[in-house]
């Protein structure tokens, strides 16, 4: 059920992206440990490139530094492409090249997917993976 809710959240974000809304992205509070359990993968990666894919989407390329979930599919050191929205109003991923981000990822339609509400600091992701829990904000439906 939670997985369905998570997928539904990403679907709503996609609809917002296609609607071209000028509304700001908002995220609801969620425990990082819970988000870690619900994700298909969780990594710390350094953003190296953002490649537009049409008007509303982009592929964000990360050099994977650490894998906290999904080690059967992702390895440290590899380049990973994550599909997200292009615009911040549609909850796009941050675009600061060279910066490290903690990411909760979902796998769907042959792509890794994430949005702004799936991002947290590498330290907070480490804490979640090691049993320390603090709230972070997750996309609201």
C-alpha atoms as a PDB file:
ATOM      1  CA  UNK A   1       0.000   0.000   0.000  1.00  0.00           C
ATOM      2  CA  UNK A   2       2.794   2.419   0.883  1.00  0.00           C
ATOM      3  CA  UNK A   3       4.564   1.605  -2.362  1.00  0.00           C
ATOM      4  CA  UNK A   4       1.358   2.425  -4.229  1.00  0.00           C
ATOM      5  CA  UNK A   5       1.103   5.722  -2.339  1.00  0.00           C
ATOM      6  CA  UNK A   6       4.721   6.548  -3.196  1.00  0.00           C
ATOM      7  CA  UNK A   7       4.098   5.760  -6.873  1.00  0.00           C
ATOM      8  CA  UNK A   8       0.923   7.871  -6.729  1.00  0.00           C
ATOM      9  CA  UNK A   9       2.908  10.777  -5.318  1.00  0.00           C
ATOM     10  CA  UNK A  10       5.339  10.598  -8.230  1.00  0.00           C
ATOM     11  CA  UNK A  11       2.383  10.420 -10.624  1.00  0.00           C
ATOM     12  CA  UNK A  12       0.859  13.565  -9.132  1.00  0.00           C
ATOM     13  CA  UNK A  13       4.208  15.311  -9.503  1.00  0.00           C
ATOM     14  CA  UNK A  14       4.290  14.273 -13.152  1.00  0.00           C
ATOM     15  CA  UNK A  15       0.811  15.681 -13.730  1.00  0.00           C
ATOM     16  CA  UNK A  16       1.892  18.937 -12.143  1.00  0.00           C
ATOM     17  CA  UNK A  17       4.900  19.044 -14.447  1.00  0.00           C
ATOM     18  CA  UNK A  18       2.734  18.567 -17.534  1.00  0.00           C
ATOM     19  CA  UNK A  19       0.224  21.162 -16.331  1.00  0.00           C
ATOM     20  CA  UNK A  20       2.930  23.841 -16.461  1.00  0.00           C
ATOM     21  CA  UNK A  21       1.791  25.159 -13.114  1.00  0.00           C
ATOM     22  CA  UNK A  22       3.577  28.096 -11.528  1.00  0.00           C
ATOM     23  CA  UNK A  23       2.888  26.684  -8.052  1.00  0.00           C
ATOM     24  CA  UNK A  24       5.835  25.943  -5.823  1.00  0.00           C
ATOM     25  CA  UNK A  25       6.810  22.413  -4.889  1.00  0.00           C
ATOM     26  CA  UNK A  26       5.744  21.373  -1.376  1.00  0.00           C
ATOM     27  CA  UNK A  27       6.835  18.346   0.612  1.00  0.00           C
ATOM     28  CA  UNK A  28       5.142  16.641   3.556  1.00  0.00           C
ATOM     29  CA  UNK A  29       7.146  15.449   6.596  1.00  0.00           C
ATOM     30  CA  UNK A  30       8.354  11.844   6.565  1.00  0.00           C
ATOM     31  CA  UNK A  31      10.870   9.919   8.630  1.00  0.00           C
ATOM     32  CA  UNK A  32      14.031   9.236   6.576  1.00  0.00           C
ATOM     33  CA  UNK A  33      14.098   5.634   7.857  1.00  0.00           C
ATOM     34  CA  UNK A  34      10.571   5.119   6.497  1.00  0.00           C
ATOM     35  CA  UNK A  35      11.503   6.682   3.140  1.00  0.00           C
ATOM     36  CA  UNK A  36      14.554   4.393   3.039  1.00  0.00           C
ATOM     37  CA  UNK A  37      12.341   1.321   3.517  1.00  0.00           C
ATOM     38  CA  UNK A  38       9.881   2.457   0.815  1.00  0.00           C
ATOM     39  CA  UNK A  39      12.493   3.342  -1.803  1.00  0.00           C
ATOM     40  CA  UNK A  40      13.873   0.937  -4.372  1.00  0.00           C
ATOM     41  CA  UNK A  41      17.345   2.422  -3.879  1.00  0.00           C
ATOM     42  CA  UNK A  42      19.084   5.063  -1.791  1.00  0.00           C
ATOM     43  CA  UNK A  43      22.407   6.596  -2.746  1.00  0.00           C
ATOM     44  CA  UNK A  44      24.768   9.455  -2.198  1.00  0.00           C
ATOM     45  CA  UNK A  45      25.826  10.782  -5.562  1.00  0.00           C
ATOM     46  CA  UNK A  46      27.708  13.745  -7.015  1.00  0.00           C
ATOM     47  CA  UNK A  47      25.761  15.522  -9.751  1.00  0.00           C
ATOM     48  CA  UNK A  48      27.845  15.705 -12.928  1.00  0.00           C
ATOM     49  CA  UNK A  49      25.342  16.641 -15.651  1.00  0.00           C
ATOM     50  CA  UNK A  50      21.720  17.562 -16.352  1.00  0.00           C
ATOM     51  CA  UNK A  51      20.455  16.565 -19.810  1.00  0.00           C
ATOM     52  CA  UNK A  52      17.029  17.899 -20.909  1.00  0.00           C
ATOM     53  CA  UNK A  53      14.572  15.266 -22.195  1.00  0.00           C
ATOM     54  CA  UNK A  54      11.860  17.251 -23.886  1.00  0.00           C
ATOM     55  CA  UNK A  55      10.013  20.179 -22.355  1.00  0.00           C
ATOM     56  CA  UNK A  56       9.151  18.794 -18.918  1.00  0.00           C
ATOM     57  CA  UNK A  57      11.758  16.162 -17.998  1.00  0.00           C
ATOM     58  CA  UNK A  58      15.513  15.859 -17.630  1.00  0.00           C
ATOM     59  CA  UNK A  59      18.034  13.135 -16.873  1.00  0.00           C
ATOM     60  CA  UNK A  60      20.270  13.974 -13.915  1.00  0.00           C
ATOM     61  CA  UNK A  61      23.595  12.109 -14.078  1.00  0.00           C
ATOM     62  CA  UNK A  62      25.262  11.215 -10.779  1.00  0.00           C
ATOM     63  CA  UNK A  63      28.567   9.613  -9.927  1.00  0.00           C
ATOM     64  CA  UNK A  64      27.501   7.178  -7.209  1.00  0.00           C
ATOM     65  CA  UNK A  65      29.586   7.624  -4.074  1.00  0.00           C
ATOM     66  CA  UNK A  66      27.720   5.350  -1.642  1.00  0.00           C
ATOM     67  CA  UNK A  67      24.819   2.891  -1.882  1.00  0.00           C
ATOM     68  CA  UNK A  68      22.534   2.435   1.133  1.00  0.00           C
ATOM     69  CA  UNK A  69      19.789   0.468  -0.610  1.00  0.00           C
ATOM     70  CA  UNK A  70      19.693  -1.248  -4.006  1.00  0.00           C
ATOM     71  CA  UNK A  71      23.253  -2.582  -4.019  1.00  0.00           C
ATOM     72  CA  UNK A  72      22.221  -5.396  -6.384  1.00  0.00           C
ATOM     73  CA  UNK A  73      21.365  -2.800  -9.041  1.00  0.00           C
ATOM     74  CA  UNK A  74      23.747   0.077  -8.292  1.00  0.00           C
ATOM     75  CA  UNK A  75      27.454   0.133  -7.418  1.00  0.00           C
ATOM     76  CA  UNK A  76      29.645   2.846  -5.931  1.00  0.00           C
ATOM     77  CA  UNK A  77      31.689   4.488  -8.682  1.00  0.00           C
ATOM     78  CA  UNK A  78      29.188   3.984 -11.486  1.00  0.00           C
ATOM     79  CA  UNK A  79      27.386   6.747 -13.377  1.00  0.00           C
ATOM     80  CA  UNK A  80      23.648   6.701 -12.705  1.00  0.00           C
ATOM     81  CA  UNK A  81      20.935   8.503 -14.645  1.00  0.00           C
ATOM     82  CA  UNK A  82      17.869   9.650 -12.672  1.00  0.00           C
ATOM     83  CA  UNK A  83      14.790  11.007 -14.445  1.00  0.00           C
ATOM     84  CA  UNK A  84      13.036  14.008 -12.898  1.00  0.00           C
ATOM     85  CA  UNK A  85      11.175  17.157 -13.831  1.00  0.00           C
ATOM     86  CA  UNK A  86      13.090  20.067 -15.380  1.00  0.00           C
ATOM     87  CA  UNK A  87      11.450  22.877 -13.396  1.00  0.00           C
ATOM     88  CA  UNK A  88      11.690  23.487  -9.666  1.00  0.00           C
ATOM     89  CA  UNK A  89       7.943  24.266  -9.475  1.00  0.00           C
ATOM     90  CA  UNK A  90       7.375  20.647 -10.540  1.00  0.00           C
ATOM     91  CA  UNK A  91       9.698  19.358  -7.785  1.00  0.00           C
ATOM     92  CA  UNK A  92      12.745  18.884 -10.019  1.00  0.00           C
ATOM     93  CA  UNK A  93      15.984  17.642  -8.507  1.00  0.00           C
ATOM     94  CA  UNK A  94      18.568  20.277  -7.506  1.00  0.00           C
ATOM     95  CA  UNK A  95      20.844  21.291 -10.400  1.00  0.00           C
ATOM     96  CA  UNK A  96      24.094  22.278  -8.679  1.00  0.00           C
ATOM     97  CA  UNK A  97      26.836  20.470 -10.617  1.00  0.00           C
ATOM     98  CA  UNK A  98      29.579  18.967  -8.441  1.00  0.00           C
ATOM     99  CA  UNK A  99      27.478  18.836  -5.281  1.00  0.00           C
ATOM    100  CA  UNK A 100      26.799  15.598  -3.398  1.00  0.00           C
ATOM    101  CA  UNK A 101      23.177  14.666  -2.648  1.00  0.00           C
ATOM    102  CA  UNK A 102      21.455  11.892  -0.742  1.00  0.00           C
ATOM    103  CA  UNK A 103      18.649  10.472  -2.909  1.00  0.00           C
ATOM    104  CA  UNK A 104      15.768   8.064  -2.389  1.00  0.00           C
ATOM    105  CA  UNK A 105      15.047   6.468  -5.776  1.00  0.00           C
ATOM    106  CA  UNK A 106      12.138   4.582  -7.308  1.00  0.00           C
ATOM    107  CA  UNK A 107      12.441   2.315 -10.334  1.00  0.00           C
ATOM    108  CA  UNK A 108       9.726   2.580 -12.950  1.00  0.00           C
ATOM    109  CA  UNK A 109       9.286   2.362 -16.714  1.00  0.00           C
ATOM    110  CA  UNK A 110      12.936   1.367 -17.125  1.00  0.00           C
ATOM    111  CA  UNK A 111      14.314   4.440 -15.325  1.00  0.00           C
ATOM    112  CA  UNK A 112      15.396   5.532 -11.897  1.00  0.00           C
ATOM    113  CA  UNK A 113      13.124   8.386 -10.772  1.00  0.00           C
ATOM    114  CA  UNK A 114      13.268  11.002  -8.030  1.00  0.00           C
ATOM    115  CA  UNK A 115      12.193  14.531  -7.260  1.00  0.00           C
ATOM    116  CA  UNK A 116      13.109  17.325  -4.911  1.00  0.00           C
ATOM    117  CA  UNK A 117      11.159  15.706  -2.094  1.00  0.00           C
ATOM    118  CA  UNK A 118      13.393  12.616  -2.384  1.00  0.00           C
ATOM    119  CA  UNK A 119      16.568  14.586  -1.618  1.00  0.00           C
ATOM    120  CA  UNK A 120      18.328  14.939   1.706  1.00  0.00           C
ATOM    121  CA  UNK A 121      21.863  15.597   2.861  1.00  0.00           C
ATOM    122  CA  UNK A 122      24.353  12.730   2.689  1.00  0.00           C
ATOM    123  CA  UNK A 123      24.730  12.922   6.493  1.00  0.00           C
ATOM    124  CA  UNK A 124      20.983  12.535   7.067  1.00  0.00           C
ATOM    125  CA  UNK A 125      20.869   9.553   4.695  1.00  0.00           C
ATOM    126  CA  UNK A 126      23.779   7.978   6.568  1.00  0.00           C
ATOM    127  CA  UNK A 127      21.927   8.576   9.860  1.00  0.00           C
ATOM    128  CA  UNK A 128      18.748   6.970   8.497  1.00  0.00           C
ATOM    129  CA  UNK A 129      20.704   3.929   7.295  1.00  0.00           C
ATOM    130  CA  UNK A 130      22.304   3.600  10.739  1.00  0.00           C
ATOM    131  CA  UNK A 131      19.111   3.891  12.775  1.00  0.00           C
ATOM    132  CA  UNK A 132      19.184   7.587  13.626  1.00  0.00           C
ATOM    133  CA  UNK A 133      15.930   9.260  12.688  1.00  0.00           C
ATOM    134  CA  UNK A 134      15.016  12.860  11.906  1.00  0.00           C
ATOM    135  CA  UNK A 135      12.095  14.193   9.922  1.00  0.00           C
ATOM    136  CA  UNK A 136      12.509  15.474   6.412  1.00  0.00           C
ATOM    137  CA  UNK A 137       9.910  16.796   4.005  1.00  0.00           C
ATOM    138  CA  UNK A 138       8.294  14.529   1.382  1.00  0.00           C
ATOM    139  CA  UNK A 139       5.950  15.438  -1.478  1.00  0.00           C
ATOM    140  CA  UNK A 140       2.384  16.149  -0.476  1.00  0.00           C
ATOM    141  CA  UNK A 141      -0.541  14.853  -2.540  1.00  0.00           C
END
